[in-house]
PDB file of N, CA and C in Angstrom:
ATOM      1  N   MET A   1     -72.944 142.281  91.644  1.00  0.00           N
ATOM      2  CA  MET A   1     -74.121 141.996  90.839  1.00  0.00           C
ATOM      3  C   MET A   1     -73.958 142.724  89.480  1.00  0.00           C
ATOM      4  N   VAL A   2     -74.403 142.055  88.442  1.00  0.00           N
ATOM      5  CA  VAL A   2     -74.254 142.548  87.055  1.00  0.00           C
ATOM      6  C   VAL A   2     -74.923 143.920  86.887  1.00  0.00           C
ATOM      7  N   CYS A   3     -76.125 144.094  87.402  1.00  0.00           N
ATOM      8  CA  CYS A   3     -76.842 145.378  87.231  1.00  0.00           C
ATOM      9  C   CYS A   3     -76.054 146.545  87.769  1.00  0.00           C
ATOM     10  N   LYS A   4     -75.485 146.388  88.936  1.00  0.00           N
ATOM     11  CA  LYS A   4     -74.743 147.483  89.562  1.00  0.00           C
ATOM     12  C   LYS A   4     -73.432 147.744  88.819  1.00  0.00           C
ATOM     13  N   ARG A   5     -72.693 146.669  88.553  1.00  0.00           N
ATOM     14  CA  ARG A   5     -71.387 146.798  87.925  1.00  0.00           C
ATOM     15  C   ARG A   5     -71.471 147.366  86.502  1.00  0.00           C
ATOM     16  N   HIS A   6     -72.415 146.904  85.719  1.00  0.00           N
ATOM     17  CA  HIS A   6     -72.474 147.309  84.315  1.00  0.00           C
ATOM     18  C   HIS A   6     -73.425 148.442  84.010  1.00  0.00           C
ATOM     19  N   LEU A   7     -74.503 148.571  84.799  1.00  0.00           N
ATOM     20  CA  LEU A   7     -75.527 149.561  84.511  1.00  0.00           C
ATOM     21  C   LEU A   7     -75.656 150.641  85.590  1.00  0.00           C
ATOM     22  N   GLY A   8     -74.974 150.442  86.719  1.00  0.00           N
ATOM     23  CA  GLY A   8     -75.091 151.407  87.806  1.00  0.00           C
ATOM     24  C   GLY A   8     -76.403 151.328  88.561  1.00  0.00           C
ATOM     25  N   ILE A   9     -77.118 150.223  88.418  1.00  0.00           N
ATOM     26  CA  ILE A   9     -78.407 150.037  89.091  1.00  0.00           C
ATOM     27  C   ILE A   9     -78.177 149.218  90.339  1.00  0.00           C
ATOM     28  N   ASP A  10     -78.515 149.803  91.473  1.00  0.00           N
ATOM     29  CA  ASP A  10     -78.279 149.172  92.777  1.00  0.00           C
ATOM     30  C   ASP A  10     -79.515 148.364  93.176  1.00  0.00           C
ATOM     31  N   VAL A  11     -79.533 147.064  92.819  1.00  0.00           N
ATOM     32  CA  VAL A  11     -80.653 146.177  93.163  1.00  0.00           C
ATOM     33  C   VAL A  11     -80.572 145.894  94.648  1.00  0.00           C
ATOM     34  N   GLN A  12     -81.650 146.194  95.364  1.00  0.00           N
ATOM     35  CA  GLN A  12     -81.722 146.064  96.816  1.00  0.00           C
ATOM     36  C   GLN A  12     -82.071 144.634  97.232  1.00  0.00           C
ATOM     37  N   VAL A  13     -81.926 144.362  98.525  1.00  0.00           N
ATOM     38  CA  VAL A  13     -82.215 143.040  99.080  1.00  0.00           C
ATOM     39  C   VAL A  13     -83.648 142.601  98.795  1.00  0.00           C
ATOM     40  N   TRP A  14     -84.589 143.546  98.730  1.00  0.00           N
ATOM     41  CA  TRP A  14     -85.996 143.206  98.474  1.00  0.00           C
ATOM     42  C   TRP A  14     -86.250 142.774  97.031  1.00  0.00           C
ATOM     43  N   GLY A  15     -85.219 142.848  96.157  1.00  0.00           N
ATOM     44  CA  GLY A  15     -85.347 142.324  94.795  1.00  0.00           C
ATOM     45  C   GLY A  15     -85.670 143.335  93.724  1.00  0.00           C
ATOM     46  N   GLY A  16     -85.331 144.599  93.940  1.00  0.00           N
ATOM     47  CA  GLY A  16     -85.604 145.591  92.915  1.00  0.00           C
ATOM     48  C   GLY A  16     -84.778 146.844  93.117  1.00  0.00           C
ATOM     49  N   ALA A  17     -85.065 147.847  92.336  1.00  0.00           N
ATOM     50  CA  ALA A  17     -84.348 149.123  92.418  1.00  0.00           C
ATOM     51  C   ALA A  17     -85.374 150.245  92.410  1.00  0.00           C
ATOM     52  N   ALA A  18     -85.049 151.300  93.185  1.00  0.00           N
ATOM     53  CA  ALA A  18     -85.903 152.470  93.257  1.00  0.00           C
ATOM     54  C   ALA A  18     -85.165 153.664  92.676  1.00  0.00           C
ATOM     55  N   PHE A  19     -85.792 154.365  91.771  1.00  0.00           N
ATOM     56  CA  PHE A  19     -85.204 155.525  91.120  1.00  0.00           C
ATOM     57  C   PHE A  19     -85.989 156.770  91.545  1.00  0.00           C
ATOM     58  N   THR A  20     -85.328 157.691  92.199  1.00  0.00           N
ATOM     59  CA  THR A  20     -85.966 158.928  92.641  1.00  0.00           C
ATOM     60  C   THR A  20     -86.101 159.871  91.456  1.00  0.00           C
ATOM     61  N   TRP A  21     -87.303 160.440  91.310  1.00  0.00           N
ATOM     62  CA  TRP A  21     -87.533 161.402  90.217  1.00  0.00           C
ATOM     63  C   TRP A  21     -86.727 162.660  90.467  1.00  0.00           C
ATOM     64  N   ALA A  22     -86.264 163.264  89.373  1.00  0.00           N
ATOM     65  CA  ALA A  22     -85.511 164.517  89.483  1.00  0.00           C
ATOM     66  C   ALA A  22     -85.898 165.443  88.339  1.00  0.00           C
ATOM     67  N   ASP A  23     -85.686 166.754  88.555  1.00  0.00           N
ATOM     68  CA  ASP A  23     -85.947 167.708  87.479  1.00  0.00           C
ATOM     69  C   ASP A  23     -84.718 167.766  86.558  1.00  0.00           C
ATOM     70  N   SER A  24     -84.751 168.666  85.587  1.00  0.00           N
ATOM     71  CA  SER A  24     -83.638 168.773  84.616  1.00  0.00           C
ATOM     72  C   SER A  24     -82.319 169.163  85.241  1.00  0.00           C
ATOM     73  N   GLU A  25     -82.359 169.682  86.472  1.00  0.00           N
ATOM     74  CA  GLU A  25     -81.121 170.040  87.169  1.00  0.00           C
ATOM     75  C   GLU A  25     -80.682 168.975  88.143  1.00  0.00           C
ATOM     76  N   GLY A  26     -81.382 167.856  88.187  1.00  0.00           N
ATOM     77  CA  GLY A  26     -81.020 166.772  89.088  1.00  0.00           C
ATOM     78  C   GLY A  26     -81.562 166.881  90.511  1.00  0.00           C
ATOM     79  N   LYS A  27     -82.450 167.842  90.747  1.00  0.00           N
ATOM     80  CA  LYS A  27     -83.033 168.015  92.077  1.00  0.00           C
ATOM     81  C   LYS A  27     -84.261 167.084  92.221  1.00  0.00           C
ATOM     82  N   PRO A  28     -84.395 166.378  93.367  1.00  0.00           N
ATOM     83  CA  PRO A  28     -85.559 165.495  93.587  1.00  0.00           C
ATOM     84  C   PRO A  28     -86.871 166.245  93.482  1.00  0.00           C
ATOM     85  N   VAL A  29     -87.869 165.608  92.886  1.00  0.00           N
ATOM     86  CA  VAL A  29     -89.192 166.228  92.714  1.00  0.00           C
ATOM     87  C   VAL A  29     -90.330 165.442  93.358  1.00  0.00           C
ATOM     88  N   GLY A  30     -90.012 164.462  94.215  1.00  0.00           N
ATOM     89  CA  GLY A  30     -91.060 163.842  94.994  1.00  0.00           C
ATOM     90  C   GLY A  30     -91.747 162.625  94.403  1.00  0.00           C
ATOM     91  N   GLY A  31     -91.060 161.816  93.661  1.00  0.00           N
ATOM     92  CA  GLY A  31     -91.659 160.596  93.133  1.00  0.00           C
ATOM     93  C   GLY A  31     -90.603 159.543  92.992  1.00  0.00           C
ATOM     94  N   THR A  32     -91.020 158.301  92.785  1.00  0.00           N
ATOM     95  CA  THR A  32     -90.089 157.183  92.638  1.00  0.00           C
ATOM     96  C   THR A  32     -90.621 156.243  91.574  1.00  0.00           C
ATOM     97  N   THR A  33     -89.708 155.685  90.792  1.00  0.00           N
ATOM     98  CA  THR A  33     -90.040 154.606  89.838  1.00  0.00           C
ATOM     99  C   THR A  33     -89.391 153.346  90.376  1.00  0.00           C
ATOM    100  N   ILE A  34     -90.146 152.245  90.379  1.00  0.00           N
ATOM    101  CA  ILE A  34     -89.661 150.981  90.931  1.00  0.00           C
ATOM    102  C   ILE A  34     -89.500 149.942  89.806  1.00  0.00           C
ATOM    103  N   TRP A  35     -88.380 149.260  89.821  1.00  0.00           N
ATOM    104  CA  TRP A  35     -88.186 148.085  88.977  1.00  0.00           C
ATOM    105  C   TRP A  35     -88.106 146.899  89.903  1.00  0.00           C
ATOM    106  N   SER A  36     -88.955 145.897  89.691  1.00  0.00           N
ATOM    107  CA  SER A  36     -88.896 144.671  90.469  1.00  0.00           C
ATOM    108  C   SER A  36     -88.229 143.598  89.610  1.00  0.00           C
ATOM    109  N   ILE A  37     -87.176 143.020  90.137  1.00  0.00           N
ATOM    110  CA  ILE A  37     -86.406 142.020  89.415  1.00  0.00           C
ATOM    111  C   ILE A  37     -86.310 140.816  90.346  1.00  0.00           C
ATOM    112  N   GLY A  38     -86.584 139.630  89.850  1.00  0.00           N
ATOM    113  CA  GLY A  38     -86.536 138.463  90.747  1.00  0.00           C
ATOM    114  C   GLY A  38     -86.239 137.194  90.020  1.00  0.00           C
ATOM    115  N   SER A  39     -86.540 136.132  90.682  1.00  0.00           N
ATOM    116  CA  SER A  39     -86.324 134.796  90.181  1.00  0.00           C
ATOM    117  C   SER A  39     -87.616 134.245  89.610  1.00  0.00           C
ATOM    118  N   GLN A  40     -87.511 133.462  88.542  1.00  0.00           N
ATOM    119  CA  GLN A  40     -88.705 132.841  87.956  1.00  0.00           C
ATOM    120  C   GLN A  40     -89.311 131.835  88.912  1.00  0.00           C
ATOM    121  N   GLU A  41     -88.562 131.423  89.946  1.00  0.00           N
ATOM    122  CA  GLU A  41     -89.062 130.458  90.908  1.00  0.00           C
ATOM    123  C   GLU A  41     -89.990 131.124  91.930  1.00  0.00           C
ATOM    124  N   GLY A  42     -89.927 132.459  92.049  1.00  0.00           N
ATOM    125  CA  GLY A  42     -90.767 133.156  93.025  1.00  0.00           C
ATOM    126  C   GLY A  42     -92.201 133.299  92.565  1.00  0.00           C
ATOM    127  N   GLU A  43     -93.099 133.547  93.489  1.00  0.00           N
ATOM    128  CA  GLU A  43     -94.510 133.687  93.136  1.00  0.00           C
ATOM    129  C   GLU A  43     -94.917 135.139  92.932  1.00  0.00           C
ATOM    130  N   GLN A  44     -94.023 136.082  93.199  1.00  0.00           N
ATOM    131  CA  GLN A  44     -94.340 137.501  93.111  1.00  0.00           C
ATOM    132  C   GLN A  44     -94.835 137.908  91.735  1.00  0.00           C
ATOM    133  N   PHE A  45     -94.293 137.285  90.664  1.00  0.00           N
ATOM    134  CA  PHE A  45     -94.653 137.661  89.306  1.00  0.00           C
ATOM    135  C   PHE A  45     -95.707 136.751  88.675  1.00  0.00           C
ATOM    136  N   ALA A  46     -96.095 135.695  89.381  1.00  0.00           N
ATOM    137  CA  ALA A  46     -97.101 134.747  88.868  1.00  0.00           C
ATOM    138  C   ALA A  46     -98.412 135.487  88.614  1.00  0.00           C
ATOM    139  N   PRO A  47     -99.148 135.145  87.596  1.00  0.00           N
ATOM    140  CA  PRO A  47     -98.990 133.984  86.751  1.00  0.00           C
ATOM    141  C   PRO A  47     -98.016 134.153  85.594  1.00  0.00           C
ATOM    142  N   SER A  48     -97.324 135.274  85.511  1.00  0.00           N
ATOM    143  CA  SER A  48     -96.311 135.486  84.469  1.00  0.00           C
ATOM    144  C   SER A  48     -95.114 134.565  84.721  1.00  0.00           C
ATOM    145  N   THR A  49     -94.418 134.201  83.643  1.00  0.00           N
ATOM    146  CA  THR A  49     -93.188 133.459  83.794  1.00  0.00           C
ATOM    147  C   THR A  49     -91.976 134.359  83.670  1.00  0.00           C
ATOM    148  N   ALA A  50     -92.182 135.651  83.495  1.00  0.00           N
ATOM    149  CA  ALA A  50     -91.082 136.617  83.394  1.00  0.00           C
ATOM    150  C   ALA A  50     -90.414 136.791  84.764  1.00  0.00           C
ATOM    151  N   SER A  51     -89.165 137.208  84.755  1.00  0.00           N
ATOM    152  CA  SER A  51     -88.422 137.425  86.004  1.00  0.00           C
ATOM    153  C   SER A  51     -88.394 138.906  86.379  1.00  0.00           C
ATOM    154  N   PHE A  52     -89.374 139.661  85.893  1.00  0.00           N
ATOM    155  CA  PHE A  52     -89.471 141.077  86.199  1.00  0.00           C
ATOM    156  C   PHE A  52     -90.920 141.505  86.176  1.00  0.00           C
ATOM    157  N   MET A  53     -91.161 142.699  86.721  1.00  0.00           N
ATOM    158  CA  MET A  53     -92.487 143.268  86.666  1.00  0.00           C
ATOM    159  C   MET A  53     -92.327 144.791  86.614  1.00  0.00           C
ATOM    160  N   ILE A  54     -93.073 145.409  85.709  1.00  0.00           N
ATOM    161  CA  ILE A  54     -93.061 146.866  85.614  1.00  0.00           C
ATOM    162  C   ILE A  54     -94.159 147.406  86.500  1.00  0.00           C
ATOM    163  N   ASN A  55     -93.878 148.524  87.158  1.00  0.00           N
ATOM    164  CA  ASN A  55     -94.814 149.163  88.082  1.00  0.00           C
ATOM    165  C   ASN A  55     -95.171 150.527  87.511  1.00  0.00           C
ATOM    166  N   TYR A  56     -96.452 150.782  87.300  1.00  0.00           N
ATOM    167  CA  TYR A  56     -96.911 152.093  86.813  1.00  0.00           C
ATOM    168  C   TYR A  56     -97.651 152.802  87.924  1.00  0.00           C
ATOM    169  N   ARG A  57     -97.319 154.054  88.132  1.00  0.00           N
ATOM    170  CA  ARG A  57     -97.976 154.891  89.129  1.00  0.00           C
ATOM    171  C   ARG A  57     -99.263 155.436  88.487  1.00  0.00           C
ATOM    172  N   VAL A  58    -100.390 155.338  89.188  1.00  0.00           N
ATOM    173  CA  VAL A  58    -101.662 155.827  88.687  1.00  0.00           C
ATOM    174  C   VAL A  58    -102.290 156.776  89.709  1.00  0.00           C
ATOM    175  N   GLU A  59    -103.142 157.643  89.224  1.00  0.00           N
ATOM    176  CA  GLU A  59    -103.778 158.630  90.108  1.00  0.00           C
ATOM    177  C   GLU A  59    -104.979 158.054  90.857  1.00  0.00           C
ATOM    178  N   ASP A  60    -105.773 157.212  90.177  1.00  0.00           N
ATOM    179  CA  ASP A  60    -106.977 156.652  90.799  1.00  0.00           C
ATOM    180  C   ASP A  60    -107.038 155.178  90.388  1.00  0.00           C
ATOM    181  N   LEU A  61    -106.549 154.312  91.280  1.00  0.00           N
ATOM    182  CA  LEU A  61    -106.417 152.892  90.975  1.00  0.00           C
ATOM    183  C   LEU A  61    -107.752 152.250  90.634  1.00  0.00           C
ATOM    184  N   HIS A  62    -108.768 152.493  91.445  1.00  0.00           N
ATOM    185  CA  HIS A  62    -110.069 151.838  91.197  1.00  0.00           C
ATOM    186  C   HIS A  62    -110.657 152.280  89.871  1.00  0.00           C
ATOM    187  N   ALA A  63    -110.534 153.549  89.511  1.00  0.00           N
ATOM    188  CA  ALA A  63    -111.027 154.008  88.210  1.00  0.00           C
ATOM    189  C   ALA A  63    -110.248 153.357  87.070  1.00  0.00           C
ATOM    190  N   MET A  64    -108.929 153.265  87.215  1.00  0.00           N
ATOM    191  CA  MET A  64    -108.093 152.641  86.171  1.00  0.00           C
ATOM    192  C   MET A  64    -108.469 151.169  85.994  1.00  0.00           C
ATOM    193  N   VAL A  65    -108.637 150.445  87.092  1.00  0.00           N
ATOM    194  CA  VAL A  65    -109.019 149.037  87.019  1.00  0.00           C
ATOM    195  C   VAL A  65    -110.370 148.886  86.312  1.00  0.00           C
ATOM    196  N   ASN A  66    -111.328 149.727  86.638  1.00  0.00           N
ATOM    197  CA  ASN A  66    -112.638 149.650  85.990  1.00  0.00           C
ATOM    198  C   ASN A  66    -112.538 149.879  84.486  1.00  0.00           C
ATOM    199  N   VAL A  67    -111.781 150.881  84.065  1.00  0.00           N
ATOM    200  CA  VAL A  67    -111.603 151.165  82.648  1.00  0.00           C
ATOM    201  C   VAL A  67    -110.952 149.981  81.925  1.00  0.00           C
ATOM    202  N   LEU A  68    -109.892 149.430  82.535  1.00  0.00           N
ATOM    203  CA  LEU A  68    -109.200 148.297  81.915  1.00  0.00           C
ATOM    204  C   LEU A  68    -110.133 147.090  81.783  1.00  0.00           C
ATOM    205  N   LYS A  69    -110.932 146.832  82.816  1.00  0.00           N
ATOM    206  CA  LYS A  69    -111.878 145.719  82.735  1.00  0.00           C
ATOM    207  C   LYS A  69    -112.925 145.951  81.644  1.00  0.00           C
ATOM    208  N   GLU A  70    -113.462 147.184  81.554  1.00  0.00           N
ATOM    209  CA  GLU A  70    -114.454 147.507  80.542  1.00  0.00           C
ATOM    210  C   GLU A  70    -113.901 147.328  79.133  1.00  0.00           C
ATOM    211  N   GLU A  71    -112.587 147.549  78.978  1.00  0.00           N
ATOM    212  CA  GLU A  71    -111.957 147.412  77.661  1.00  0.00           C
ATOM    213  C   GLU A  71    -111.492 145.977  77.380  1.00  0.00           C
ATOM    214  N   GLY A  72    -111.788 145.071  78.312  1.00  0.00           N
ATOM    215  CA  GLY A  72    -111.464 143.661  78.064  1.00  0.00           C
ATOM    216  C   GLY A  72    -110.050 143.249  78.438  1.00  0.00           C
ATOM    217  N   CYS A  73    -109.340 144.050  79.187  1.00  0.00           N
ATOM    218  CA  CYS A  73    -107.997 143.692  79.621  1.00  0.00           C
ATOM    219  C   CYS A  73    -108.041 142.605  80.687  1.00  0.00           C
ATOM    220  N   ASN A  74    -106.960 141.828  80.764  1.00  0.00           N
ATOM    221  CA  ASN A  74    -106.870 140.751  81.723  1.00  0.00           C
ATOM    222  C   ASN A  74    -106.384 141.311  83.069  1.00  0.00           C
ATOM    223  N   VAL A  75    -107.357 141.844  83.848  1.00  0.00           N
ATOM    224  CA  VAL A  75    -107.035 142.419  85.162  1.00  0.00           C
ATOM    225  C   VAL A  75    -107.176 141.322  86.209  1.00  0.00           C
ATOM    226  N   LEU A  76    -106.163 141.147  87.034  1.00  0.00           N
ATOM    227  CA  LEU A  76    -106.245 140.170  88.116  1.00  0.00           C
ATOM    228  C   LEU A  76    -107.189 140.697  89.198  1.00  0.00           C
ATOM    229  N   GLU A  77    -107.911 139.834  89.823  1.00  0.00           N
ATOM    230  CA  GLU A  77    -108.972 140.253  90.749  1.00  0.00           C
ATOM    231  C   GLU A  77    -108.481 140.893  92.030  1.00  0.00           C
ATOM    232  N   LYS A  78    -107.290 140.565  92.474  1.00  0.00           N
ATOM    233  CA  LYS A  78    -106.799 141.036  93.771  1.00  0.00           C
ATOM    234  C   LYS A  78    -106.403 142.528  93.727  1.00  0.00           C
ATOM    235  N   ILE A  79    -106.864 143.266  94.727  1.00  0.00           N
ATOM    236  CA  ILE A  79    -106.417 144.649  94.950  1.00  0.00           C
ATOM    237  C   ILE A  79    -105.943 144.737  96.388  1.00  0.00           C
ATOM    238  N   ASP A  80    -104.701 145.157  96.580  1.00  0.00           N
ATOM    239  CA  ASP A  80    -104.114 145.307  97.921  1.00  0.00           C
ATOM    240  C   ASP A  80    -104.141 146.758  98.322  1.00  0.00           C
ATOM    241  N   GLU A  81    -104.467 147.016  99.578  1.00  0.00           N
ATOM    242  CA  GLU A  81    -104.404 148.360 100.139  1.00  0.00           C
ATOM    243  C   GLU A  81    -103.629 148.269 101.448  1.00  0.00           C
ATOM    244  N   SER A  82    -102.583 149.119 101.583  1.00  0.00           N
ATOM    245  CA  SER A  82    -101.727 149.117 102.752  1.00  0.00           C
ATOM    246  C   SER A  82    -101.195 150.522 102.988  1.00  0.00           C
ATOM    247  N   GLU A  83    -100.330 150.651 103.968  1.00  0.00           N
ATOM    248  CA  GLU A  83     -99.711 151.959 104.220  1.00  0.00           C
ATOM    249  C   GLU A  83     -98.823 152.406 103.077  1.00  0.00           C
ATOM    250  N   TYR A  84     -98.481 151.493 102.139  1.00  0.00           N
ATOM    251  CA  TYR A  84     -97.665 151.829 100.969  1.00  0.00           C
ATOM    252  C   TYR A  84     -98.510 152.311  99.789  1.00  0.00           C
ATOM    253  N   GLY A  85     -99.833 152.205  99.920  1.00  0.00           N
ATOM    254  CA  GLY A  85    -100.730 152.609  98.843  1.00  0.00           C
ATOM    255  C   GLY A  85    -101.631 151.493  98.414  1.00  0.00           C
ATOM    256  N   LYS A  86    -102.200 151.669  97.229  1.00  0.00           N
ATOM    257  CA  LYS A  86    -103.103 150.670  96.632  1.00  0.00           C
ATOM    258  C   LYS A  86    -102.431 150.024  95.428  1.00  0.00           C
ATOM    259  N   PHE A  87    -102.580 148.711  95.304  1.00  0.00           N
ATOM    260  CA  PHE A  87    -101.925 147.974  94.240  1.00  0.00           C
ATOM    261  C   PHE A  87    -102.931 147.049  93.520  1.00  0.00           C
ATOM    262  N   ALA A  88    -102.811 146.999  92.195  1.00  0.00           N
ATOM    263  CA  ALA A  88    -103.579 146.035  91.397  1.00  0.00           C
ATOM    264  C   ALA A  88    -102.653 145.557  90.275  1.00  0.00           C
ATOM    265  N   TRP A  89    -103.051 144.472  89.600  1.00  0.00           N
ATOM    266  CA  TRP A  89    -102.195 143.884  88.586  1.00  0.00           C
ATOM    267  C   TRP A  89    -103.015 143.560  87.361  1.00  0.00           C
ATOM    268  N   VAL A  90    -102.362 143.654  86.231  1.00  0.00           N
ATOM    269  CA  VAL A  90    -102.931 143.339  84.914  1.00  0.00           C
ATOM    270  C   VAL A  90    -101.899 142.565  84.131  1.00  0.00           C
ATOM    271  N   MET A  91    -102.354 141.676  83.257  1.00  0.00           N
ATOM    272  CA  MET A  91    -101.470 140.924  82.404  1.00  0.00           C
ATOM    273  C   MET A  91    -101.433 141.602  81.027  1.00  0.00           C
ATOM    274  N   ASP A  92    -100.236 141.849  80.523  1.00  0.00           N
ATOM    275  CA  ASP A  92    -100.155 142.466  79.189  1.00  0.00           C
ATOM    276  C   ASP A  92    -100.379 141.405  78.118  1.00  0.00           C
ATOM    277  N   PRO A  93    -100.516 141.770  76.847  1.00  0.00           N
ATOM    278  CA  PRO A  93    -100.815 140.801  75.792  1.00  0.00           C
ATOM    279  C   PRO A  93     -99.745 139.709  75.640  1.00  0.00           C
ATOM    280  N   GLU A  94     -98.526 139.956  76.098  1.00  0.00           N
ATOM    281  CA  GLU A  94     -97.461 138.950  75.993  1.00  0.00           C
ATOM    282  C   GLU A  94     -97.366 138.080  77.246  1.00  0.00           C
ATOM    283  N   GLY A  95     -98.287 138.252  78.204  1.00  0.00           N
ATOM    284  CA  GLY A  95     -98.288 137.417  79.397  1.00  0.00           C
ATOM    285  C   GLY A  95     -97.441 137.916  80.559  1.00  0.00           C
ATOM    286  N   ASN A  96     -96.988 139.169  80.488  1.00  0.00           N
ATOM    287  CA  ASN A  96     -96.210 139.751  81.575  1.00  0.00           C
ATOM    288  C   ASN A  96     -97.132 140.431  82.575  1.00  0.00           C
ATOM    289  N   LYS A  97     -96.840 140.260  83.825  1.00  0.00           N
ATOM    290  CA  LYS A  97     -97.627 140.885  84.899  1.00  0.00           C
ATOM    291  C   LYS A  97     -97.148 142.324  85.059  1.00  0.00           C
ATOM    292  N   VAL A  98     -98.095 143.252  85.110  1.00  0.00           N
ATOM    293  CA  VAL A  98     -97.833 144.677  85.282  1.00  0.00           C
ATOM    294  C   VAL A  98     -98.527 145.150  86.549  1.00  0.00           C
ATOM    295  N   GLU A  99     -97.804 145.883  87.396  1.00  0.00           N
ATOM    296  CA  GLU A  99     -98.349 146.363  88.640  1.00  0.00           C
ATOM    297  C   GLU A  99     -98.808 147.829  88.479  1.00  0.00           C
ATOM    298  N   LEU A 100     -99.992 148.102  88.987  1.00  0.00           N
ATOM    299  CA  LEU A 100    -100.517 149.475  89.030  1.00  0.00           C
ATOM    300  C   LEU A 100    -100.488 149.912  90.494  1.00  0.00           C
ATOM    301  N   TRP A 101     -99.969 151.082  90.747  1.00  0.00           N
ATOM    302  CA  TRP A 101     -99.766 151.561  92.116  1.00  0.00           C
ATOM    303  C   TRP A 101    -100.308 152.969  92.282  1.00  0.00           C
ATOM    304  N   GLN A 102    -101.196 153.134  93.246  1.00  0.00           N
ATOM    305  CA  GLN A 102    -101.638 154.488  93.650  1.00  0.00           C
ATOM    306  C   GLN A 102    -100.989 154.736  95.006  1.00  0.00           C
ATOM    307  N   PRO A 103    -100.013 155.671  95.055  1.00  0.00           N
ATOM    308  CA  PRO A 103     -99.337 155.942  96.326  1.00  0.00           C
ATOM    309  C   PRO A 103    -100.294 156.542  97.355  1.00  0.00           C
ATOM    310  N   PRO A 104     -99.904 156.489  98.629  1.00  0.00           N
ATOM    311  CA  PRO A 104    -100.747 157.115  99.657  1.00  0.00           C
ATOM    312  C   PRO A 104    -100.917 158.590  99.402  1.00  0.00           C
ATOM    313  N   GLN A 105    -101.992 159.144  99.927  1.00  0.00           N
ATOM    314  CA  GLN A 105    -102.272 160.582  99.782  1.00  0.00           C
ATOM    315  C   GLN A 105    -101.040 161.419 100.176  1.00  0.00           C
ATOM    316  N   GLY A 106    -100.722 162.396  99.366  1.00  0.00           N
ATOM    317  CA  GLY A 106     -99.613 163.297  99.646  1.00  0.00           C
ATOM    318  C   GLY A 106     -98.242 162.849  99.179  1.00  0.00           C
ATOM    319  N   GLN A 107     -98.194 161.700  98.507  1.00  0.00           N
ATOM    320  CA  GLN A 107     -96.906 161.206  97.994  1.00  0.00           C
ATOM    321  C   GLN A 107     -96.844 161.253  96.502  1.00  0.00           C
TER     322      GLN A 107
END
């Protein structure tokens, strides 16, 4: 795969890459950044036509969604809650879908 060969990014079977947070010495510090990369034919990124989605970690998902709605942002109505945390989505001004993620307590 191009990402691994040229950029050293190991895209997993689920369609993305996970980057473990580290301090200035390279020691893990207990967080992860996710890049979701997929096909434009999939529904994961809809209603965006982009083949990627950026995921932002937030401290209080419901508070963030409320603020974004109050400011007139295009927040999608669906909020998912699972053992992986809470998820909501917003469309940026260029039509890209952005995921907001509140990890489970203690993560």
